Amino acid sequence: MVGFDKRTRARLYLWLVEFTSIPTYVGIYLMFISGYGMVTRKATLVTFGILRRPNSIILHTLSPLPYVVGLLTILHAVAGLGCLIMRRVKNPKLAQILELINVLVGIFFAGQLTVLEFL
């Protein structure tokens, strides 16, 4: 990424990975369980009655949870791949190109997610 030295980029990537890990973990869990809760009664059993079908439908389709989890997942993936590129790609020019592609794909994906959520 232009304008940031390698050390700053590495710290930013690591910070993003750490910051997004727990919320992404919890959010993906809720998305999966509520998805199952819409189609099977087993989710009610494993959540001790908290996620019945109506709650699952609200959580999975009517709340902002899918959008927020999507954005967190994109941030986590872009930062993780950025860390990987910085550690494994030895050619500095190739690393910069791959980092740029990584960030652009993340922005494109987030843009698509935003369009799908709000239009």
Protein backbone atom coordinates (compact mmCIF):
# COMPACT_ATOMS: atom_id res chain seq x y z
CA MET A 1 0.00 0.00 0.00
CA VAL A 2 1.37 3.31 -1.05
CA GLY A 3 2.36 5.75 1.66
CA PHE A 4 2.98 3.28 4.47
CA ASP A 5 6.28 1.64 5.21
CA LYS A 6 6.48 -2.13 5.64
CA ARG A 7 6.55 -2.02 9.43
CA THR A 8 3.45 0.18 9.63
CA ARG A 9 1.56 -2.06 7.19
CA ALA A 10 2.53 -5.17 9.16
CA ARG A 11 1.31 -3.61 12.42
CA LEU A 12 -1.94 -2.49 10.76
CA TYR A 13 -2.57 -5.96 9.31
CA LEU A 14 -1.85 -7.64 12.63
CA TRP A 15 -4.05 -5.17 14.50
CA LEU A 16 -6.93 -5.80 12.07
CA VAL A 17 -6.56 -9.57 12.38
CA GLU A 18 -6.60 -9.34 16.17
CA PHE A 19 -9.42 -6.78 16.32
CA THR A 20 -11.73 -8.69 13.97
CA SER A 21 -11.06 -12.24 15.17
CA ILE A 22 -13.45 -12.49 18.14
CA PRO A 23 -16.38 -10.53 16.63
CA THR A 24 -16.04 -12.52 13.40
CA TYR A 25 -15.93 -15.77 15.35
CA VAL A 26 -19.08 -14.92 17.30
CA GLY A 27 -20.85 -13.51 14.25
CA ILE A 28 -20.18 -16.54 12.07
CA TYR A 29 -21.39 -18.79 14.89
CA LEU A 30 -24.65 -16.81 15.13
CA MET A 31 -25.10 -16.86 11.35
CA PHE A 32 -24.66 -20.62 11.13
CA ILE A 33 -26.87 -21.41 14.13
CA SER A 34 -29.62 -19.04 12.99
CA GLY A 35 -29.42 -20.51 9.48
CA TYR A 36 -29.99 -23.96 10.89
CA GLY A 37 -32.68 -22.53 13.17
CA MET A 38 -34.68 -21.48 10.12
CA VAL A 39 -34.80 -25.01 8.70
CA THR A 40 -34.56 -27.43 11.63
CA ARG A 41 -35.68 -27.66 15.23
CA LYS A 42 -32.30 -29.05 16.27
CA ALA A 43 -30.96 -25.49 16.60
CA THR A 44 -33.55 -24.83 19.31
CA LEU A 45 -32.20 -27.80 21.23
CA VAL A 46 -28.53 -26.90 20.97
CA THR A 47 -29.20 -23.27 21.94
CA PHE A 48 -31.36 -24.33 24.90
CA GLY A 49 -34.48 -22.77 23.39
CA ILE A 50 -33.00 -19.35 22.71
CA LEU A 51 -32.98 -19.59 18.92
CA ARG A 52 -36.40 -20.80 17.90
CA ARG A 53 -37.47 -20.44 14.29
CA PRO A 54 -38.91 -16.87 14.59
CA ASN A 55 -35.78 -15.61 16.39
CA SER A 56 -33.57 -17.33 13.84
CA ILE A 57 -35.41 -15.70 10.93
CA ILE A 58 -35.10 -12.26 12.52
CA LEU A 59 -31.42 -12.73 13.34
CA HIS A 60 -30.50 -14.25 10.00
CA THR A 61 -32.51 -12.11 7.59
CA LEU A 62 -33.92 -8.97 9.20
CA SER A 63 -31.04 -7.82 11.39
CA PRO A 64 -27.83 -6.09 10.26
CA LEU A 65 -25.87 -9.14 11.48
CA PRO A 66 -25.15 -10.65 8.02
CA TYR A 67 -23.83 -7.32 6.73
CA VAL A 68 -21.68 -6.65 9.79
CA VAL A 69 -20.32 -10.21 9.81
CA GLY A 70 -19.59 -9.89 6.10
CA LEU A 71 -17.60 -6.68 6.59
CA LEU A 72 -15.71 -8.14 9.55
CA THR A 73 -14.91 -11.26 7.52
CA ILE A 74 -13.63 -9.16 4.62
CA LEU A 75 -11.41 -7.09 6.95
CA HIS A 76 -10.12 -10.23 8.64
CA ALA A 77 -9.38 -11.94 5.32
CA VAL A 78 -7.69 -8.92 3.74
CA ALA A 79 -5.52 -8.37 6.82
CA GLY A 80 -4.65 -12.06 7.11
CA LEU A 81 -3.71 -12.30 3.45
CA GLY A 82 -1.73 -9.06 3.79
CA CYS A 83 0.25 -10.63 6.65
CA LEU A 84 0.83 -13.74 4.57
CA ILE A 85 2.04 -11.71 1.58
CA MET A 86 4.42 -9.69 3.73
CA ARG A 87 5.89 -12.81 5.36
CA ARG A 88 6.14 -15.13 2.38
CA VAL A 89 6.65 -13.03 -0.77
CA LYS A 90 10.31 -12.06 -0.91
CA ASN A 91 10.23 -9.93 -4.07
CA PRO A 92 9.30 -6.41 -2.84
CA LYS A 93 7.70 -5.33 -6.11
CA LEU A 94 5.60 -8.50 -6.37
CA ALA A 95 4.59 -8.12 -2.70
CA GLN A 96 3.38 -4.56 -3.34
CA ILE A 97 1.38 -5.66 -6.37
CA LEU A 98 -0.21 -8.54 -4.46
CA GLU A 99 -1.02 -6.29 -1.49
CA LEU A 100 -2.66 -3.78 -3.83
CA ILE A 101 -4.72 -6.51 -5.50
CA ASN A 102 -5.68 -7.86 -2.07
CA VAL A 103 -6.91 -4.46 -0.89
CA LEU A 104 -8.74 -3.73 -4.16
CA VAL A 105 -10.52 -7.10 -4.10
CA GLY A 106 -11.51 -6.44 -0.47
CA ILE A 107 -12.90 -3.02 -1.39
CA PHE A 108 -14.75 -4.50 -4.38
CA PHE A 109 -16.22 -7.27 -2.23
CA ALA A 110 -17.28 -4.79 0.48
CA GLY A 111 -18.86 -2.61 -2.20
CA GLN A 112 -20.83 -5.55 -3.58
CA LEU A 113 -21.95 -6.49 -0.08
CA THR A 114 -23.06 -2.91 0.58
CA VAL A 115 -25.03 -2.75 -2.68
CA LEU A 116 -26.73 -6.06 -1.90
CA GLU A 117 -27.59 -4.91 1.61
CA PHE A 118 -28.95 -1.45 0.85
CA LEU A 119 -30.41 -1.57 -2.67
